[in-house]
Structure formats: C-alpha cells, structure tokens
Amino acid sequence: MILLSDPRVVALPIRDCGEPLVEIASVTAIRLDPRERDEAGAYGRVRAGVLERLRVAADELPDGYGLLVLEGHRESAEQARRFAHHEDRIRRSGVTDPAELRRRTSAFVSPVEVAPHCAGAAVDLTLADTDGVEMDMGGAVNAHRSGDENSCPMDAPVPALARRHREILASAMTAASFVNYPTEWWHWSYGDRYWALHTNTDHALYGPA
C-alpha cells in the first residue's frame, strides 16, 4: 500500500493547470454536508475539473443513490494542525522513530506538502439516499478520529450491505477518473500527486490552492 508519505509521491512535479476553486453546492445533484464547515467555507470548494468529475460520478450511481460530500478544499494551516494533532496521538501510543511516526500519521492525515485537499483535488464523501440520509458503509467517515481504524480501509471486512455500498461508490468514482486513498474508503482525489503516481501521469495537475 502506497501512503502519502511515500517519497515517490513528493518527488512528482506539479504543473498547475490554473483551474479555479468552485463551489460544490453549485451542482444540485451533489449534497454538501456542513459538519466539516470551516469559517472561510473552503470545505465546500474543489477545483473546477474535480467538480465536473463529481458530476460524472453522481450520474454513474444507480437510482436512489446520491453523493454526500463532507469536505473538499482544506487550507494549509488546517492541514498542518490536523497532521500535528494525529502525529502527537500516535507518538503518545509509543511510536518514537521519526520515519515510522510520519508513515503511521500519513495513513490518515497527509503531510501538508503533498496534501490533496490543500490542492482542491480531493473530496471526503459518502453515499446518501434521495432524502440525504447516509447509507451504511460499514463505518463512519473519519472513523479514525474515534478510534475505529479497522473500518476505515476500503477493503476492510464489513457486512455485505456495506460492502455493496462501498463497491457502488468505488465504481462511480473510478468511472469518473478519481483514485481512492486505500486507508480511507471516503477519500477520493483527482489531479494531485497521489493521483498522478497511481495513474502513471508524469506530473500533478493541481498544486496548493
């Protein structure tokens, strides 16, 4: 499994295509959940190309299913705060080796220099029904925050219904050219360095926004 702390990720160059950040809420087919709302409203924005692909993913879903986005863009200062917080949590569990500490932290919080959210290239999202009620995915978005790390990987052993829902989400997002971060079933990105590595693209399309 390749993590965001992998040297191959940061080694990829960025040739930012200059797309603006746009409002997710401008697409009526996609719901935006407010629980990760920040004061600047960054959570509700992504790059224009990412939003267009989210629209494609929404169209790929079966009837009765919709996308519920919890977070898009994240400012660099907030990313750095989250990384430091999670790193400290892991350090207190007994991990002291700097390389292992960085690797373990990046399983759930990206180092700020390669963070897809800071580029406006990533979304944390789940499935919802036509009333906006979240579907059973076998674990919550950001479940690692409450200590439920076992349910977080995309391939985690979850009940059959949750597995089916994860497969539906993965099928739609993959069809729209997103890549998943395998430690987090809810995290998908397009155009960032992690995406570039996994799609054998020689550069990222989006840098910090």
N, C-alpha and C. Protein backbone atom coordinates (compact mmCIF):
# COMPACT_ATOMS: atom_id res chain seq x y z
N MET A 1 0.85 -1.19 0.00
CA MET A 1 0.00 0.00 0.00
C MET A 1 0.89 1.24 0.00
N ILE A 2 0.64 2.14 -0.94
CA ILE A 2 1.41 3.38 -1.02
C ILE A 2 0.71 4.46 -0.20
N LEU A 3 1.44 5.03 0.75
CA LEU A 3 0.90 6.10 1.58
C LEU A 3 1.36 7.46 1.05
N LEU A 4 0.72 8.51 1.51
CA LEU A 4 1.05 9.85 1.04
C LEU A 4 2.43 10.32 1.49
N SER A 5 3.00 9.65 2.48
CA SER A 5 4.36 9.98 2.92
C SER A 5 5.43 9.33 2.05
N ASP A 6 5.03 8.50 1.10
CA ASP A 6 5.98 7.80 0.25
C ASP A 6 6.80 8.81 -0.56
N PRO A 7 8.13 8.68 -0.58
CA PRO A 7 8.97 9.63 -1.33
C PRO A 7 8.60 9.74 -2.80
N ARG A 8 8.00 8.69 -3.37
CA ARG A 8 7.61 8.75 -4.78
C ARG A 8 6.50 9.75 -5.03
N VAL A 9 5.70 10.02 -4.01
CA VAL A 9 4.61 10.99 -4.16
C VAL A 9 5.17 12.40 -4.22
N VAL A 10 5.98 12.76 -3.24
CA VAL A 10 6.51 14.12 -3.19
C VAL A 10 7.49 14.39 -4.33
N ALA A 11 8.06 13.34 -4.90
CA ALA A 11 9.03 13.52 -6.00
C ALA A 11 8.38 13.95 -7.31
N LEU A 12 7.08 13.72 -7.43
CA LEU A 12 6.41 14.09 -8.68
C LEU A 12 6.28 15.61 -8.81
N PRO A 13 6.59 16.15 -9.97
CA PRO A 13 6.45 17.60 -10.16
C PRO A 13 4.99 18.03 -10.28
N ILE A 14 4.75 19.30 -10.08
CA ILE A 14 3.42 19.89 -10.24
C ILE A 14 3.46 20.88 -11.39
N ARG A 15 2.53 20.74 -12.30
CA ARG A 15 2.33 21.75 -13.35
C ARG A 15 0.89 22.20 -13.24
N ASP A 16 0.67 23.15 -12.36
CA ASP A 16 -0.70 23.56 -12.04
C ASP A 16 -1.38 24.13 -13.28
N CYS A 17 -2.55 23.58 -13.58
CA CYS A 17 -3.26 23.99 -14.79
C CYS A 17 -4.04 25.29 -14.60
N GLY A 18 -4.08 25.80 -13.37
CA GLY A 18 -4.69 27.10 -13.12
C GLY A 18 -6.19 27.11 -12.96
N GLU A 19 -6.80 25.94 -12.87
CA GLU A 19 -8.26 25.91 -12.65
C GLU A 19 -8.62 26.55 -11.32
N PRO A 20 -9.72 27.29 -11.27
CA PRO A 20 -10.14 27.91 -10.02
C PRO A 20 -10.82 26.92 -9.09
N LEU A 21 -10.90 27.32 -7.84
CA LEU A 21 -11.76 26.62 -6.89
C LEU A 21 -13.20 27.05 -7.13
N VAL A 22 -14.10 26.10 -7.15
CA VAL A 22 -15.51 26.41 -7.41
C VAL A 22 -16.37 25.77 -6.32
N GLU A 23 -17.61 26.23 -6.22
CA GLU A 23 -18.49 25.79 -5.15
C GLU A 23 -19.16 24.45 -5.49
N ILE A 24 -18.99 23.48 -4.61
CA ILE A 24 -19.65 22.18 -4.80
C ILE A 24 -21.16 22.34 -4.83
N ALA A 25 -21.68 23.25 -4.02
CA ALA A 25 -23.12 23.44 -3.92
C ALA A 25 -23.75 23.96 -5.21
N SER A 26 -22.93 24.36 -6.18
CA SER A 26 -23.48 24.84 -7.45
C SER A 26 -24.04 23.70 -8.30
N VAL A 27 -23.71 22.46 -7.93
CA VAL A 27 -24.24 21.28 -8.63
C VAL A 27 -25.35 20.68 -7.77
N THR A 28 -26.56 20.82 -8.22
CA THR A 28 -27.70 20.41 -7.40
C THR A 28 -27.77 18.90 -7.17
N ALA A 29 -27.12 18.13 -8.03
CA ALA A 29 -27.16 16.67 -7.89
C ALA A 29 -26.25 16.16 -6.78
N ILE A 30 -25.44 17.05 -6.20
CA ILE A 30 -24.49 16.66 -5.16
C ILE A 30 -24.84 17.39 -3.87
N ARG A 31 -25.01 16.65 -2.79
CA ARG A 31 -25.30 17.25 -1.50
C ARG A 31 -24.00 17.60 -0.78
N LEU A 32 -24.02 18.71 -0.03
CA LEU A 32 -22.87 19.15 0.75
C LEU A 32 -23.27 19.13 2.22
N ASP A 33 -22.58 18.31 3.00
CA ASP A 33 -22.85 18.18 4.43
C ASP A 33 -22.05 19.24 5.20
N PRO A 34 -22.64 19.90 6.19
CA PRO A 34 -21.95 21.01 6.86
C PRO A 34 -21.06 20.62 8.03
N ARG A 35 -20.91 19.34 8.36
CA ARG A 35 -20.23 19.01 9.62
C ARG A 35 -18.75 19.37 9.63
N GLU A 36 -18.12 19.50 8.45
CA GLU A 36 -16.71 19.89 8.40
C GLU A 36 -16.56 21.36 7.98
N ARG A 37 -17.63 22.12 8.08
CA ARG A 37 -17.61 23.52 7.66
C ARG A 37 -16.51 24.29 8.42
N ASP A 38 -15.76 25.09 7.69
CA ASP A 38 -14.76 25.97 8.29
C ASP A 38 -15.20 27.42 8.09
N GLU A 39 -14.59 28.32 8.81
CA GLU A 39 -15.02 29.72 8.79
C GLU A 39 -14.96 30.33 7.40
N ALA A 40 -13.96 29.95 6.62
CA ALA A 40 -13.80 30.52 5.28
C ALA A 40 -14.65 29.82 4.22
N GLY A 41 -15.27 28.70 4.59
CA GLY A 41 -16.08 27.97 3.63
C GLY A 41 -15.27 27.16 2.63
N ALA A 42 -13.99 26.94 2.92
CA ALA A 42 -13.13 26.19 2.00
C ALA A 42 -13.64 24.78 1.78
N TYR A 43 -14.22 24.18 2.82
CA TYR A 43 -14.67 22.78 2.74
C TYR A 43 -15.63 22.54 1.59
N GLY A 44 -16.33 23.57 1.14
CA GLY A 44 -17.33 23.44 0.10
C GLY A 44 -16.83 23.75 -1.30
N ARG A 45 -15.50 23.78 -1.49
CA ARG A 45 -14.94 24.10 -2.79
C ARG A 45 -13.97 23.02 -3.24
N VAL A 46 -13.88 22.85 -4.55
CA VAL A 46 -12.88 21.98 -5.19
C VAL A 46 -12.48 22.63 -6.50
N ARG A 47 -11.46 22.10 -7.14
CA ARG A 47 -11.09 22.60 -8.47
C ARG A 47 -12.22 22.31 -9.46
N ALA A 48 -12.30 23.14 -10.48
CA ALA A 48 -13.39 23.01 -11.46
C ALA A 48 -13.42 21.63 -12.10
N GLY A 49 -12.26 21.08 -12.42
CA GLY A 49 -12.20 19.76 -13.04
C GLY A 49 -12.64 18.66 -12.10
N VAL A 50 -12.38 18.84 -10.81
CA VAL A 50 -12.81 17.87 -9.81
C VAL A 50 -14.34 17.90 -9.70
N LEU A 51 -14.91 19.09 -9.69
CA LEU A 51 -16.37 19.20 -9.59
C LEU A 51 -17.04 18.58 -10.81
N GLU A 52 -16.48 18.78 -11.98
CA GLU A 52 -17.07 18.19 -13.18
C GLU A 52 -17.03 16.67 -13.09
N ARG A 53 -15.98 16.14 -12.55
CA ARG A 53 -15.89 14.68 -12.40
C ARG A 53 -16.81 14.16 -11.30
N LEU A 54 -17.04 14.97 -10.28
CA LEU A 54 -18.04 14.59 -9.28
C LEU A 54 -19.43 14.51 -9.92
N ARG A 55 -19.70 15.40 -10.85
CA ARG A 55 -20.97 15.37 -11.56
C ARG A 55 -21.09 14.07 -12.37
N VAL A 56 -20.00 13.68 -12.99
CA VAL A 56 -19.99 12.42 -13.74
C VAL A 56 -20.22 11.25 -12.80
N ALA A 57 -19.55 11.24 -11.65
CA ALA A 57 -19.72 10.16 -10.69
C ALA A 57 -21.15 10.07 -10.20
N ALA A 58 -21.77 11.20 -9.93
CA ALA A 58 -23.17 11.21 -9.48
C ALA A 58 -24.08 10.60 -10.53
N ASP A 59 -23.79 10.88 -11.79
CA ASP A 59 -24.60 10.31 -12.87
C ASP A 59 -24.41 8.81 -13.02
N GLU A 60 -23.28 8.30 -12.55
CA GLU A 60 -22.97 6.87 -12.65
C GLU A 60 -23.71 6.05 -11.59
N LEU A 61 -24.21 6.69 -10.56
CA LEU A 61 -24.83 5.96 -9.46
C LEU A 61 -26.19 5.39 -9.85
N PRO A 62 -26.58 4.26 -9.28
CA PRO A 62 -27.91 3.70 -9.54
C PRO A 62 -29.00 4.62 -9.00
N ASP A 63 -30.20 4.45 -9.47
CA ASP A 63 -31.33 5.22 -8.96
C ASP A 63 -31.45 5.02 -7.45
N GLY A 64 -31.74 6.10 -6.76
CA GLY A 64 -31.90 6.04 -5.31
C GLY A 64 -30.63 6.33 -4.54
N TYR A 65 -29.51 6.50 -5.24
CA TYR A 65 -28.22 6.78 -4.60
C TYR A 65 -27.75 8.18 -4.99
N GLY A 66 -27.11 8.85 -4.05
CA GLY A 66 -26.53 10.16 -4.33
C GLY A 66 -25.23 10.33 -3.58
N LEU A 67 -24.46 11.35 -3.97
CA LEU A 67 -23.20 11.67 -3.30
C LEU A 67 -23.44 12.70 -2.21
N LEU A 68 -22.85 12.46 -1.06
CA LEU A 68 -22.88 13.41 0.05
C LEU A 68 -21.44 13.77 0.38
N VAL A 69 -21.04 15.00 0.05
CA VAL A 69 -19.67 15.46 0.25
C VAL A 69 -19.54 16.13 1.61
N LEU A 70 -18.53 15.70 2.37
CA LEU A 70 -18.29 16.30 3.68
C LEU A 70 -17.20 17.37 3.64
N GLU A 71 -16.23 17.18 2.74
CA GLU A 71 -15.14 18.16 2.71
C GLU A 71 -14.41 18.10 1.38
N GLY A 72 -14.10 19.30 0.88
CA GLY A 72 -13.30 19.42 -0.32
C GLY A 72 -11.96 20.08 0.01
N HIS A 73 -11.85 21.35 -0.35
CA HIS A 73 -10.59 22.07 -0.11
C HIS A 73 -10.34 22.26 1.38
N ARG A 74 -9.07 22.23 1.76
CA ARG A 74 -8.68 22.46 3.14
C ARG A 74 -7.46 23.38 3.14
N GLU A 75 -7.49 24.41 3.91
CA GLU A 75 -6.37 25.35 3.94
C GLU A 75 -5.14 24.70 4.57
N SER A 76 -3.97 25.14 4.13
CA SER A 76 -2.72 24.51 4.55
C SER A 76 -2.51 24.57 6.05
N ALA A 77 -2.90 25.67 6.68
CA ALA A 77 -2.72 25.79 8.13
C ALA A 77 -3.56 24.75 8.87
N GLU A 78 -4.76 24.50 8.38
CA GLU A 78 -5.62 23.50 9.00
C GLU A 78 -5.06 22.10 8.77
N GLN A 79 -4.51 21.86 7.58
CA GLN A 79 -3.90 20.56 7.31
C GLN A 79 -2.72 20.31 8.25
N ALA A 80 -1.91 21.33 8.43
CA ALA A 80 -0.75 21.21 9.32
C ALA A 80 -1.20 20.95 10.75
N ARG A 81 -2.28 21.61 11.18
CA ARG A 81 -2.79 21.40 12.53
C ARG A 81 -3.27 19.96 12.71
N ARG A 82 -4.00 19.45 11.73
CA ARG A 82 -4.51 18.08 11.83
C ARG A 82 -3.38 17.06 11.82
N PHE A 83 -2.35 17.31 10.99
CA PHE A 83 -1.23 16.38 10.94
C PHE A 83 -0.52 16.35 12.29
N ALA A 84 -0.26 17.52 12.87
CA ALA A 84 0.43 17.59 14.15
C ALA A 84 -0.38 16.92 15.25
N HIS A 85 -1.69 17.10 15.22
CA HIS A 85 -2.56 16.50 16.23
C HIS A 85 -2.54 14.98 16.15
N HIS A 86 -2.65 14.45 14.93
CA HIS A 86 -2.65 12.99 14.78
C HIS A 86 -1.27 12.41 15.05
N GLU A 87 -0.23 13.13 14.65
CA GLU A 87 1.13 12.68 14.93
C GLU A 87 1.36 12.58 16.44
N ASP A 88 0.87 13.57 17.18
CA ASP A 88 1.04 13.56 18.63
C ASP A 88 0.29 12.38 19.25
N ARG A 89 -0.90 12.08 18.72
CA ARG A 89 -1.67 10.95 19.22
C ARG A 89 -0.90 9.65 19.04
N ILE A 90 -0.28 9.48 17.88
CA ILE A 90 0.48 8.25 17.61
C ILE A 90 1.75 8.22 18.45
N ARG A 91 2.39 9.36 18.63
CA ARG A 91 3.59 9.42 19.47
C ARG A 91 3.26 8.98 20.90
N ARG A 92 2.12 9.41 21.39
CA ARG A 92 1.72 9.05 22.76
C ARG A 92 1.38 7.56 22.89
N SER A 93 1.14 6.90 21.74
CA SER A 93 0.89 5.45 21.79
C SER A 93 2.18 4.66 21.88
N GLY A 94 3.32 5.34 21.77
CA GLY A 94 4.60 4.67 21.94
C GLY A 94 5.50 4.67 20.73
N VAL A 95 5.07 5.23 19.61
CA VAL A 95 5.88 5.28 18.39
C VAL A 95 6.81 6.49 18.49
N THR A 96 8.10 6.26 18.43
CA THR A 96 9.06 7.37 18.57
C THR A 96 9.98 7.54 17.36
N ASP A 97 10.17 6.48 16.57
CA ASP A 97 11.03 6.59 15.39
C ASP A 97 10.43 7.60 14.41
N PRO A 98 11.18 8.63 14.02
CA PRO A 98 10.61 9.69 13.17
C PRO A 98 10.02 9.19 11.85
N ALA A 99 10.70 8.27 11.18
CA ALA A 99 10.20 7.77 9.90
C ALA A 99 8.91 6.98 10.09
N GLU A 100 8.87 6.14 11.10
CA GLU A 100 7.66 5.36 11.37
C GLU A 100 6.52 6.25 11.84
N LEU A 101 6.85 7.26 12.61
CA LEU A 101 5.84 8.20 13.08
C LEU A 101 5.20 8.93 11.90
N ARG A 102 6.01 9.37 10.97
CA ARG A 102 5.50 10.05 9.78
C ARG A 102 4.66 9.10 8.93
N ARG A 103 5.13 7.86 8.78
CA ARG A 103 4.39 6.89 7.98
C ARG A 103 3.04 6.58 8.60
N ARG A 104 3.02 6.33 9.91
CA ARG A 104 1.78 6.00 10.59
C ARG A 104 0.80 7.17 10.56
N THR A 105 1.32 8.37 10.73
CA THR A 105 0.44 9.56 10.71
C THR A 105 -0.19 9.73 9.34
N SER A 106 0.59 9.51 8.29
CA SER A 106 0.10 9.76 6.94
C SER A 106 -0.93 8.74 6.48
N ALA A 107 -1.14 7.69 7.26
CA ALA A 107 -2.20 6.74 6.92
C ALA A 107 -3.56 7.41 6.97
N PHE A 108 -3.70 8.44 7.81
CA PHE A 108 -4.99 9.11 7.94
C PHE A 108 -4.94 10.62 7.76
N VAL A 109 -3.76 11.21 7.87
CA VAL A 109 -3.62 12.66 7.66
C VAL A 109 -2.39 12.90 6.81
N SER A 110 -2.58 13.53 5.67
CA SER A 110 -1.47 13.73 4.74
C SER A 110 -0.49 14.79 5.24
N PRO A 111 0.81 14.58 4.99
CA PRO A 111 1.76 15.68 5.19
C PRO A 111 1.34 16.87 4.33
N VAL A 112 1.46 18.05 4.87
CA VAL A 112 0.87 19.22 4.22
C VAL A 112 1.45 19.46 2.83
N GLU A 113 2.73 19.10 2.61
CA GLU A 113 3.35 19.41 1.32
C GLU A 113 2.79 18.58 0.16
N VAL A 114 2.10 17.49 0.44
CA VAL A 114 1.52 16.68 -0.63
C VAL A 114 0.01 16.51 -0.46
N ALA A 115 -0.59 17.24 0.45
CA ALA A 115 -1.99 17.03 0.80
C ALA A 115 -2.93 17.32 -0.37
N PRO A 116 -3.69 16.32 -0.84
CA PRO A 116 -4.62 16.54 -1.94
C PRO A 116 -5.71 17.56 -1.62
N HIS A 117 -6.17 17.59 -0.36
CA HIS A 117 -7.21 18.55 0.00
C HIS A 117 -6.72 19.98 -0.16
N CYS A 118 -5.45 20.23 0.16
CA CYS A 118 -4.91 21.59 0.05
C CYS A 118 -4.82 22.07 -1.39
N ALA A 119 -4.81 21.13 -2.32
CA ALA A 119 -4.78 21.46 -3.74
C ALA A 119 -6.18 21.61 -4.32
N GLY A 120 -7.20 21.37 -3.51
CA GLY A 120 -8.56 21.38 -4.04
C GLY A 120 -8.83 20.19 -4.94
N ALA A 121 -8.02 19.13 -4.74
CA ALA A 121 -8.07 17.97 -5.63
C ALA A 121 -8.78 16.77 -5.02
N ALA A 122 -9.18 16.87 -3.76
CA ALA A 122 -9.74 15.71 -3.06
C ALA A 122 -11.09 16.03 -2.44
N VAL A 123 -11.87 14.97 -2.27
CA VAL A 123 -13.14 15.07 -1.55
C VAL A 123 -13.25 13.91 -0.57
N ASP A 124 -13.82 14.20 0.58
CA ASP A 124 -14.26 13.16 1.51
C ASP A 124 -15.76 13.07 1.35
N LEU A 125 -16.26 11.89 1.01
CA LEU A 125 -17.67 11.78 0.68
C LEU A 125 -18.20 10.40 0.98
N THR A 126 -19.52 10.28 0.95
CA THR A 126 -20.18 9.01 1.17
C THR A 126 -21.43 8.95 0.30
N LEU A 127 -22.19 7.90 0.44
CA LEU A 127 -23.44 7.74 -0.28
C LEU A 127 -24.61 8.13 0.61
N ALA A 128 -25.65 8.67 -0.01
CA ALA A 128 -26.87 9.01 0.70
C ALA A 128 -28.06 8.62 -0.17
N ASP A 129 -29.22 8.44 0.48
CA ASP A 129 -30.42 8.15 -0.30
C ASP A 129 -31.04 9.45 -0.80
N THR A 130 -32.19 9.39 -1.40
CA THR A 130 -32.80 10.57 -2.02
C THR A 130 -33.22 11.62 -1.00
N ASP A 131 -33.31 11.22 0.28
CA ASP A 131 -33.63 12.18 1.34
C ASP A 131 -32.39 12.73 2.02
N GLY A 132 -31.21 12.33 1.55
CA GLY A 132 -29.97 12.81 2.14
C GLY A 132 -29.50 12.02 3.33
N VAL A 133 -30.14 10.89 3.60
CA VAL A 133 -29.75 10.05 4.74
C VAL A 133 -28.57 9.17 4.33
N GLU A 134 -27.51 9.19 5.13
CA GLU A 134 -26.32 8.40 4.80
C GLU A 134 -26.63 6.90 4.78
N MET A 135 -26.03 6.24 3.83
CA MET A 135 -26.17 4.80 3.72
C MET A 135 -25.11 4.09 4.56
N ASP A 136 -25.37 2.85 4.87
CA ASP A 136 -24.47 2.05 5.68
C ASP A 136 -23.22 1.71 4.87
N MET A 137 -22.08 2.24 5.32
CA MET A 137 -20.81 1.97 4.65
C MET A 137 -19.89 1.11 5.50
N GLY A 138 -20.40 0.61 6.61
CA GLY A 138 -19.60 -0.24 7.47
C GLY A 138 -18.72 0.51 8.44
N GLY A 139 -18.83 1.80 8.45
CA GLY A 139 -18.03 2.66 9.33
C GLY A 139 -18.20 4.10 8.89
N ALA A 140 -18.02 5.01 9.83
CA ALA A 140 -18.25 6.42 9.54
C ALA A 140 -17.10 7.04 8.78
N VAL A 141 -17.39 8.13 8.06
CA VAL A 141 -16.33 8.97 7.51
C VAL A 141 -15.50 9.50 8.68
N ASN A 142 -14.18 9.46 8.54
CA ASN A 142 -13.27 9.91 9.59
C ASN A 142 -13.41 9.10 10.88
N ALA A 143 -13.72 7.81 10.74
CA ALA A 143 -13.90 6.96 11.93
C ALA A 143 -12.62 6.84 12.74
N HIS A 144 -11.47 7.09 12.13
CA HIS A 144 -10.21 7.02 12.87
C HIS A 144 -10.16 8.01 14.02
N ARG A 145 -10.93 9.10 13.90
CA ARG A 145 -10.91 10.10 14.97
C ARG A 145 -11.48 9.55 16.27
N SER A 146 -12.38 8.60 16.16
CA SER A 146 -12.98 8.00 17.36
C SER A 146 -12.34 6.66 17.72
N GLY A 147 -11.26 6.31 17.04
CA GLY A 147 -10.55 5.08 17.35
C GLY A 147 -10.97 3.87 16.55
N ASP A 148 -11.93 4.04 15.64
CA ASP A 148 -12.40 2.91 14.84
C ASP A 148 -11.61 2.83 13.53
N GLU A 149 -10.33 2.52 13.64
CA GLU A 149 -9.48 2.49 12.46
C GLU A 149 -9.71 1.25 11.61
N ASN A 150 -10.24 0.19 12.21
CA ASN A 150 -10.40 -1.07 11.47
C ASN A 150 -11.40 -0.97 10.34
N SER A 151 -12.39 -0.09 10.46
CA SER A 151 -13.41 0.02 9.41
C SER A 151 -13.00 0.97 8.29
N CYS A 152 -11.89 1.67 8.46
CA CYS A 152 -11.54 2.74 7.53
C CYS A 152 -11.01 2.30 6.16
N PRO A 153 -10.15 1.27 6.08
CA PRO A 153 -9.65 0.89 4.76
C PRO A 153 -10.76 0.49 3.80
N MET A 154 -10.58 0.77 2.55
CA MET A 154 -11.59 0.41 1.55
C MET A 154 -11.87 -1.08 1.56
N ASP A 155 -10.85 -1.90 1.79
CA ASP A 155 -11.03 -3.35 1.75
C ASP A 155 -11.27 -3.95 3.14
N ALA A 156 -11.66 -3.14 4.11
CA ALA A 156 -11.93 -3.65 5.46
C ALA A 156 -13.06 -4.68 5.43
N PRO A 157 -13.02 -5.68 6.31
CA PRO A 157 -14.11 -6.65 6.37
C PRO A 157 -15.36 -6.03 6.99
N VAL A 158 -16.34 -5.74 6.17
CA VAL A 158 -17.58 -5.11 6.62
C VAL A 158 -18.76 -5.98 6.19
N PRO A 159 -19.93 -5.78 6.80
CA PRO A 159 -21.11 -6.57 6.41
C PRO A 159 -21.43 -6.44 4.92
N ALA A 160 -22.19 -7.39 4.41
CA ALA A 160 -22.45 -7.49 2.97
C ALA A 160 -23.08 -6.23 2.40
N LEU A 161 -24.03 -5.64 3.11
CA LEU A 161 -24.69 -4.44 2.58
C LEU A 161 -23.70 -3.28 2.48
N ALA A 162 -22.88 -3.11 3.52
CA ALA A 162 -21.88 -2.05 3.49
C ALA A 162 -20.86 -2.30 2.39
N ARG A 163 -20.47 -3.55 2.18
CA ARG A 163 -19.54 -3.88 1.09
C ARG A 163 -20.14 -3.51 -0.25
N ARG A 164 -21.42 -3.81 -0.43
CA ARG A 164 -22.09 -3.46 -1.67
C ARG A 164 -22.09 -1.96 -1.88
N HIS A 165 -22.36 -1.20 -0.82
CA HIS A 165 -22.36 0.26 -0.94
C HIS A 165 -20.97 0.79 -1.27
N ARG A 166 -19.95 0.22 -0.67
CA ARG A 166 -18.58 0.65 -0.99
C ARG A 166 -18.25 0.35 -2.45
N GLU A 167 -18.72 -0.77 -2.93
CA GLU A 167 -18.47 -1.12 -4.34
C GLU A 167 -19.19 -0.17 -5.28
N ILE A 168 -20.40 0.23 -4.92
CA ILE A 168 -21.16 1.19 -5.74
C ILE A 168 -20.42 2.53 -5.79
N LEU A 169 -19.97 2.99 -4.63
CA LEU A 169 -19.22 4.25 -4.57
C LEU A 169 -17.94 4.15 -5.39
N ALA A 170 -17.20 3.07 -5.20
CA ALA A 170 -15.94 2.90 -5.92
C ALA A 170 -16.14 2.84 -7.43
N SER A 171 -17.18 2.15 -7.86
CA SER A 171 -17.45 2.04 -9.29
C SER A 171 -17.72 3.41 -9.90
N ALA A 172 -18.54 4.22 -9.23
CA ALA A 172 -18.89 5.54 -9.75
C ALA A 172 -17.68 6.47 -9.76
N MET A 173 -16.92 6.47 -8.68
CA MET A 173 -15.78 7.38 -8.58
C MET A 173 -14.66 6.98 -9.54
N THR A 174 -14.43 5.70 -9.69
CA THR A 174 -13.41 5.22 -10.62
C THR A 174 -13.79 5.55 -12.06
N ALA A 175 -15.07 5.41 -12.38
CA ALA A 175 -15.54 5.74 -13.73
C ALA A 175 -15.33 7.22 -14.04
N ALA A 176 -15.29 8.05 -13.00
CA ALA A 176 -15.09 9.49 -13.18
C ALA A 176 -13.62 9.89 -13.05
N SER A 177 -12.72 8.91 -13.03
CA SER A 177 -11.26 9.11 -13.04
C SER A 177 -10.66 9.48 -11.69
N PHE A 178 -11.38 9.29 -10.61
CA PHE A 178 -10.81 9.50 -9.28
C PHE A 178 -10.01 8.28 -8.84
N VAL A 179 -9.09 8.49 -7.90
CA VAL A 179 -8.40 7.39 -7.25
C VAL A 179 -8.70 7.46 -5.76
N ASN A 180 -8.75 6.30 -5.14
CA ASN A 180 -9.04 6.20 -3.71
C ASN A 180 -7.75 6.12 -2.90
N TYR A 181 -7.77 6.72 -1.72
CA TYR A 181 -6.68 6.52 -0.77
C TYR A 181 -7.07 5.31 0.06
N PRO A 182 -6.37 4.18 -0.09
CA PRO A 182 -6.90 2.89 0.39
C PRO A 182 -7.08 2.76 1.89
N THR A 183 -6.48 3.63 2.68
CA THR A 183 -6.71 3.57 4.12
C THR A 183 -8.02 4.25 4.52
N GLU A 184 -8.64 4.99 3.58
CA GLU A 184 -9.86 5.75 3.87
C GLU A 184 -10.86 5.53 2.73
N TRP A 185 -11.89 4.76 2.97
CA TRP A 185 -12.85 4.47 1.90
C TRP A 185 -13.52 5.73 1.37
N TRP A 186 -13.57 6.77 2.16
CA TRP A 186 -14.30 8.01 1.81
C TRP A 186 -13.46 9.02 1.03
N HIS A 187 -12.14 8.81 0.93
CA HIS A 187 -11.25 9.83 0.36
C HIS A 187 -10.92 9.50 -1.10
N TRP A 188 -11.25 10.43 -1.98
CA TRP A 188 -11.00 10.26 -3.41
C TRP A 188 -10.38 11.53 -3.98
N SER A 189 -9.47 11.38 -4.93
CA SER A 189 -8.81 12.56 -5.48
C SER A 189 -8.59 12.43 -6.98
N TYR A 190 -8.40 13.59 -7.56
CA TYR A 190 -8.08 13.67 -8.99
C TYR A 190 -7.12 14.84 -9.19
N GLY A 191 -6.06 14.62 -9.96
CA GLY A 191 -5.17 15.71 -10.37
C GLY A 191 -4.04 16.04 -9.42
N ASP A 192 -4.00 15.40 -8.24
CA ASP A 192 -2.93 15.66 -7.28
C ASP A 192 -1.76 14.72 -7.51
N ARG A 193 -0.75 14.81 -6.69
CA ARG A 193 0.44 13.96 -6.86
C ARG A 193 0.12 12.48 -6.63
N TYR A 194 -0.72 12.17 -5.65
CA TYR A 194 -1.06 10.78 -5.39
C TYR A 194 -1.79 10.19 -6.59
N TRP A 195 -2.71 10.94 -7.15
CA TRP A 195 -3.42 10.52 -8.37
C TRP A 195 -2.43 10.30 -9.50
N ALA A 196 -1.48 11.22 -9.66
CA ALA A 196 -0.50 11.11 -10.75
C ALA A 196 0.31 9.83 -10.62
N LEU A 197 0.73 9.51 -9.39
CA LEU A 197 1.52 8.30 -9.20
C LEU A 197 0.72 7.06 -9.57
N HIS A 198 -0.54 7.02 -9.17
CA HIS A 198 -1.35 5.83 -9.41
C HIS A 198 -1.85 5.71 -10.85
N THR A 199 -1.83 6.79 -11.59
CA THR A 199 -2.28 6.73 -12.98
C THR A 199 -1.11 6.82 -13.96
N ASN A 200 0.11 6.73 -13.43
CA ASN A 200 1.32 6.81 -14.26
C ASN A 200 1.37 8.09 -15.08
N THR A 201 0.89 9.18 -14.47
CA THR A 201 0.99 10.51 -15.08
C THR A 201 2.27 11.16 -14.57
N ASP A 202 2.99 11.85 -15.45
CA ASP A 202 4.33 12.32 -15.06
C ASP A 202 4.32 13.59 -14.23
N HIS A 203 3.15 14.18 -13.99
CA HIS A 203 3.09 15.38 -13.15
C HIS A 203 1.68 15.54 -12.59
N ALA A 204 1.58 16.29 -11.50
CA ALA A 204 0.27 16.61 -10.94
C ALA A 204 -0.32 17.82 -11.67
N LEU A 205 -1.62 17.86 -11.74
CA LEU A 205 -2.31 18.96 -12.40
C LEU A 205 -2.62 20.11 -11.46
N TYR A 206 -2.64 19.80 -10.17
CA TYR A 206 -3.01 20.81 -9.16
C TYR A 206 -1.99 20.83 -8.04
N GLY A 207 -1.57 22.07 -7.68
CA GLY A 207 -0.73 22.28 -6.51
C GLY A 207 -1.54 22.97 -5.43
N PRO A 208 -0.89 23.39 -4.34
CA PRO A 208 -1.63 24.06 -3.27
C PRO A 208 -2.44 25.24 -3.80
N ALA A 209 -3.70 25.31 -3.35
CA ALA A 209 -4.61 26.35 -3.86
C ALA A 209 -4.95 27.32 -2.74
